[in-house]
Amino acid sequence: MVMTCMSLQDVVRRFKETHGSLDAFPEKVSFQLNDTHPTIGVPELMRVLMDEHGIGWTKSWEIVTKVISMSCQHAVWKILSLTISCSI
């Protein structure tokens, strides 16, 4: 959890230092969260954008929904196993 939070803070900080603002963040950055453990990244990115960069809730949520994608390997395997067992 700590590594997820620190990594997000670092990416946002470095992006802002490099580009001067976070305006292009959704077009230039993408996070793929695999499984359930790193999902803390969603509220942490909201916190970083709102508390550390002064962006409002609506704009922060818009950014988060554009830059974060998630896949759950357990769900994928469950679906595959159901599909295979139904096919047999």
N, C-alpha and C. Protein backbone atom coordinates (compact mmCIF):
# COMPACT_ATOMS: atom_id res chain seq x y z
N MET A 1 0.82 -1.18 0.00
CA MET A 1 0.00 0.00 0.00
C MET A 1 0.88 1.26 0.00
N VAL A 2 1.88 1.26 0.82
CA VAL A 2 2.75 2.43 0.92
C VAL A 2 3.44 2.70 -0.42
N MET A 3 3.88 1.63 -1.08
CA MET A 3 4.56 1.81 -2.36
C MET A 3 3.63 2.39 -3.43
N THR A 4 2.38 1.96 -3.40
CA THR A 4 1.40 2.51 -4.34
C THR A 4 1.22 4.00 -4.12
N CYS A 5 1.05 4.39 -2.87
CA CYS A 5 0.86 5.80 -2.53
C CYS A 5 2.08 6.64 -2.90
N MET A 6 3.25 6.15 -2.54
CA MET A 6 4.48 6.89 -2.84
C MET A 6 4.71 7.00 -4.34
N SER A 7 4.42 5.94 -5.07
CA SER A 7 4.61 5.96 -6.52
C SER A 7 3.70 6.97 -7.19
N LEU A 8 2.43 7.00 -6.79
CA LEU A 8 1.50 7.96 -7.37
C LEU A 8 1.91 9.40 -7.07
N GLN A 9 2.31 9.65 -5.84
CA GLN A 9 2.76 10.99 -5.47
C GLN A 9 3.96 11.40 -6.32
N ASP A 10 4.88 10.48 -6.53
CA ASP A 10 6.08 10.77 -7.31
C ASP A 10 5.75 11.05 -8.77
N VAL A 11 4.88 10.24 -9.35
CA VAL A 11 4.51 10.44 -10.77
C VAL A 11 3.85 11.80 -10.96
N VAL A 12 2.91 12.14 -10.08
CA VAL A 12 2.21 13.44 -10.20
C VAL A 12 3.21 14.58 -10.02
N ARG A 13 4.07 14.48 -9.02
CA ARG A 13 5.05 15.53 -8.76
C ARG A 13 5.98 15.72 -9.96
N ARG A 14 6.52 14.62 -10.48
CA ARG A 14 7.45 14.72 -11.61
C ARG A 14 6.77 15.23 -12.88
N PHE A 15 5.51 14.82 -13.09
CA PHE A 15 4.78 15.31 -14.26
C PHE A 15 4.61 16.82 -14.18
N LYS A 16 4.22 17.30 -13.01
CA LYS A 16 4.00 18.74 -12.85
C LYS A 16 5.32 19.51 -12.98
N GLU A 17 6.40 18.97 -12.46
CA GLU A 17 7.71 19.63 -12.60
C GLU A 17 8.12 19.69 -14.07
N THR A 18 7.86 18.65 -14.81
CA THR A 18 8.27 18.56 -16.21
C THR A 18 7.38 19.41 -17.12
N HIS A 19 6.07 19.38 -16.88
CA HIS A 19 5.11 20.03 -17.79
C HIS A 19 4.56 21.35 -17.27
N GLY A 20 4.86 21.68 -16.02
CA GLY A 20 4.41 22.95 -15.48
C GLY A 20 3.00 22.96 -14.92
N SER A 21 2.18 22.00 -15.35
CA SER A 21 0.81 21.88 -14.84
C SER A 21 0.37 20.43 -15.03
N LEU A 22 -0.83 20.14 -14.55
CA LEU A 22 -1.38 18.79 -14.72
C LEU A 22 -2.43 18.74 -15.83
N ASP A 23 -2.49 19.79 -16.66
CA ASP A 23 -3.51 19.86 -17.71
C ASP A 23 -3.47 18.67 -18.66
N ALA A 24 -2.29 18.23 -19.06
CA ALA A 24 -2.16 17.13 -20.02
C ALA A 24 -2.01 15.77 -19.35
N PHE A 25 -2.12 15.72 -18.04
CA PHE A 25 -1.92 14.48 -17.28
C PHE A 25 -2.77 13.32 -17.82
N PRO A 26 -4.09 13.53 -18.05
CA PRO A 26 -4.90 12.40 -18.54
C PRO A 26 -4.53 11.92 -19.94
N GLU A 27 -3.93 12.78 -20.74
CA GLU A 27 -3.55 12.37 -22.09
C GLU A 27 -2.17 11.70 -22.13
N LYS A 28 -1.36 11.92 -21.10
CA LYS A 28 0.02 11.44 -21.11
C LYS A 28 0.30 10.31 -20.12
N VAL A 29 -0.61 10.08 -19.16
CA VAL A 29 -0.34 9.12 -18.08
C VAL A 29 -1.43 8.07 -18.04
N SER A 30 -1.02 6.83 -17.78
CA SER A 30 -1.96 5.74 -17.61
C SER A 30 -1.45 4.79 -16.54
N PHE A 31 -2.33 4.40 -15.63
CA PHE A 31 -1.99 3.42 -14.60
C PHE A 31 -2.87 2.20 -14.80
N GLN A 32 -2.26 1.03 -14.86
CA GLN A 32 -3.01 -0.22 -14.94
C GLN A 32 -2.90 -0.91 -13.59
N LEU A 33 -4.01 -1.02 -12.88
CA LEU A 33 -4.03 -1.68 -11.58
C LEU A 33 -4.46 -3.12 -11.80
N ASN A 34 -3.62 -4.03 -11.39
CA ASN A 34 -3.92 -5.45 -11.53
C ASN A 34 -4.30 -6.03 -10.18
N ASP A 35 -5.44 -6.67 -10.15
CA ASP A 35 -5.97 -7.31 -8.96
C ASP A 35 -6.46 -6.27 -7.97
N THR A 36 -6.77 -6.66 -6.77
CA THR A 36 -7.43 -5.77 -5.83
C THR A 36 -6.47 -4.99 -4.93
N HIS A 37 -5.25 -5.44 -4.74
CA HIS A 37 -4.35 -4.81 -3.78
C HIS A 37 -4.00 -3.36 -4.11
N PRO A 38 -3.66 -3.02 -5.34
CA PRO A 38 -3.28 -1.62 -5.60
C PRO A 38 -4.46 -0.69 -5.81
N THR A 39 -5.68 -1.14 -5.59
CA THR A 39 -6.82 -0.25 -5.80
C THR A 39 -6.82 0.93 -4.85
N ILE A 40 -5.96 0.90 -3.85
CA ILE A 40 -5.78 2.07 -2.98
C ILE A 40 -5.33 3.26 -3.83
N GLY A 41 -4.84 2.99 -5.03
CA GLY A 41 -4.41 4.05 -5.93
C GLY A 41 -5.52 5.00 -6.33
N VAL A 42 -6.75 4.53 -6.38
CA VAL A 42 -7.87 5.39 -6.76
C VAL A 42 -8.07 6.50 -5.72
N PRO A 43 -8.33 6.17 -4.46
CA PRO A 43 -8.50 7.26 -3.49
C PRO A 43 -7.21 8.04 -3.23
N GLU A 44 -6.05 7.38 -3.38
CA GLU A 44 -4.80 8.10 -3.16
C GLU A 44 -4.57 9.14 -4.25
N LEU A 45 -4.86 8.80 -5.49
CA LEU A 45 -4.70 9.79 -6.56
C LEU A 45 -5.69 10.94 -6.36
N MET A 46 -6.90 10.63 -5.93
CA MET A 46 -7.86 11.69 -5.61
C MET A 46 -7.29 12.60 -4.53
N ARG A 47 -6.73 12.01 -3.47
CA ARG A 47 -6.17 12.78 -2.37
C ARG A 47 -5.02 13.66 -2.84
N VAL A 48 -4.13 13.11 -3.63
CA VAL A 48 -2.98 13.87 -4.13
C VAL A 48 -3.45 15.05 -4.97
N LEU A 49 -4.37 14.79 -5.89
CA LEU A 49 -4.85 15.87 -6.76
C LEU A 49 -5.57 16.96 -5.97
N MET A 50 -6.39 16.55 -5.01
CA MET A 50 -7.18 17.52 -4.25
C MET A 50 -6.36 18.22 -3.16
N ASP A 51 -5.70 17.44 -2.32
CA ASP A 51 -5.02 18.01 -1.15
C ASP A 51 -3.67 18.63 -1.48
N GLU A 52 -2.93 18.02 -2.37
CA GLU A 52 -1.58 18.51 -2.66
C GLU A 52 -1.52 19.45 -3.85
N HIS A 53 -2.53 19.39 -4.73
CA HIS A 53 -2.49 20.24 -5.93
C HIS A 53 -3.71 21.14 -6.08
N GLY A 54 -4.60 21.11 -5.09
CA GLY A 54 -5.71 22.05 -5.06
C GLY A 54 -6.76 21.89 -6.15
N ILE A 55 -6.86 20.71 -6.72
CA ILE A 55 -7.85 20.48 -7.76
C ILE A 55 -9.15 20.02 -7.09
N GLY A 56 -10.28 20.53 -7.56
CA GLY A 56 -11.57 20.18 -6.97
C GLY A 56 -11.98 18.74 -7.22
N TRP A 57 -13.02 18.31 -6.50
CA TRP A 57 -13.48 16.93 -6.56
C TRP A 57 -13.85 16.51 -7.99
N THR A 58 -14.66 17.30 -8.68
CA THR A 58 -15.15 16.92 -10.01
C THR A 58 -14.01 16.76 -11.00
N LYS A 59 -13.11 17.72 -11.04
CA LYS A 59 -11.97 17.64 -11.97
C LYS A 59 -11.04 16.48 -11.58
N SER A 60 -10.81 16.28 -10.28
CA SER A 60 -9.95 15.18 -9.83
C SER A 60 -10.54 13.84 -10.26
N TRP A 61 -11.84 13.66 -10.06
CA TRP A 61 -12.49 12.42 -10.43
C TRP A 61 -12.43 12.21 -11.94
N GLU A 62 -12.59 13.27 -12.70
CA GLU A 62 -12.47 13.18 -14.16
C GLU A 62 -11.08 12.69 -14.55
N ILE A 63 -10.05 13.22 -13.91
CA ILE A 63 -8.67 12.79 -14.19
C ILE A 63 -8.48 11.33 -13.80
N VAL A 64 -8.92 10.97 -12.59
CA VAL A 64 -8.75 9.59 -12.10
C VAL A 64 -9.41 8.59 -13.04
N THR A 65 -10.63 8.88 -13.49
CA THR A 65 -11.33 7.93 -14.36
C THR A 65 -10.70 7.84 -15.75
N LYS A 66 -9.90 8.81 -16.13
CA LYS A 66 -9.21 8.76 -17.42
C LYS A 66 -7.86 8.06 -17.33
N VAL A 67 -7.20 8.11 -16.18
CA VAL A 67 -5.83 7.59 -16.11
C VAL A 67 -5.73 6.21 -15.46
N ILE A 68 -6.75 5.76 -14.75
CA ILE A 68 -6.66 4.47 -14.06
C ILE A 68 -7.55 3.44 -14.73
N SER A 69 -6.94 2.30 -15.03
CA SER A 69 -7.66 1.14 -15.53
C SER A 69 -7.38 -0.01 -14.58
N MET A 70 -8.27 -0.98 -14.55
CA MET A 70 -8.09 -2.08 -13.62
C MET A 70 -8.46 -3.39 -14.26
N SER A 71 -7.69 -4.41 -13.93
CA SER A 71 -8.06 -5.77 -14.30
C SER A 71 -7.88 -6.64 -13.06
N CYS A 72 -8.74 -7.59 -12.92
CA CYS A 72 -8.67 -8.48 -11.76
C CYS A 72 -8.43 -9.90 -12.27
N GLN A 73 -7.23 -10.39 -12.07
CA GLN A 73 -6.85 -11.70 -12.58
C GLN A 73 -7.73 -12.81 -12.01
N HIS A 74 -8.15 -12.68 -10.76
CA HIS A 74 -9.01 -13.70 -10.16
C HIS A 74 -10.34 -13.78 -10.90
N ALA A 75 -10.90 -12.64 -11.23
CA ALA A 75 -12.18 -12.62 -11.95
C ALA A 75 -12.02 -13.21 -13.35
N VAL A 76 -10.91 -12.89 -14.01
CA VAL A 76 -10.67 -13.41 -15.36
C VAL A 76 -10.59 -14.93 -15.32
N TRP A 77 -9.83 -15.47 -14.39
CA TRP A 77 -9.69 -16.93 -14.29
C TRP A 77 -11.01 -17.59 -13.93
N LYS A 78 -11.80 -16.97 -13.08
CA LYS A 78 -13.11 -17.51 -12.71
C LYS A 78 -14.01 -17.57 -13.93
N ILE A 79 -14.03 -16.51 -14.72
CA ILE A 79 -14.85 -16.46 -15.92
C ILE A 79 -14.38 -17.53 -16.91
N LEU A 80 -13.07 -17.65 -17.08
CA LEU A 80 -12.54 -18.66 -18.00
C LEU A 80 -12.90 -20.06 -17.54
N SER A 81 -12.78 -20.33 -16.25
CA SER A 81 -13.09 -21.67 -15.75
C SER A 81 -14.58 -21.99 -15.94
N LEU A 82 -15.45 -21.00 -15.75
CA LEU A 82 -16.87 -21.22 -15.97
C LEU A 82 -17.16 -21.47 -17.45
N THR A 83 -16.49 -20.72 -18.32
CA THR A 83 -16.68 -20.87 -19.76
C THR A 83 -16.22 -22.26 -20.22
N ILE A 84 -15.08 -22.67 -19.72
CA ILE A 84 -14.53 -23.98 -20.11
C ILE A 84 -15.43 -25.10 -19.59
N SER A 85 -15.87 -25.03 -18.34
CA SER A 85 -16.70 -26.10 -17.79
C SER A 85 -18.07 -26.15 -18.47
N CYS A 86 -18.58 -25.02 -18.94
CA CYS A 86 -19.86 -24.99 -19.63
C CYS A 86 -19.73 -25.55 -21.05
N SER A 87 -18.53 -25.45 -21.62
CA SER A 87 -18.31 -25.90 -22.99
C SER A 87 -18.12 -27.40 -23.08
N ILE A 88 -17.75 -28.02 -21.99
CA ILE A 88 -17.42 -29.45 -22.01
C ILE A 88 -18.65 -30.31 -21.97
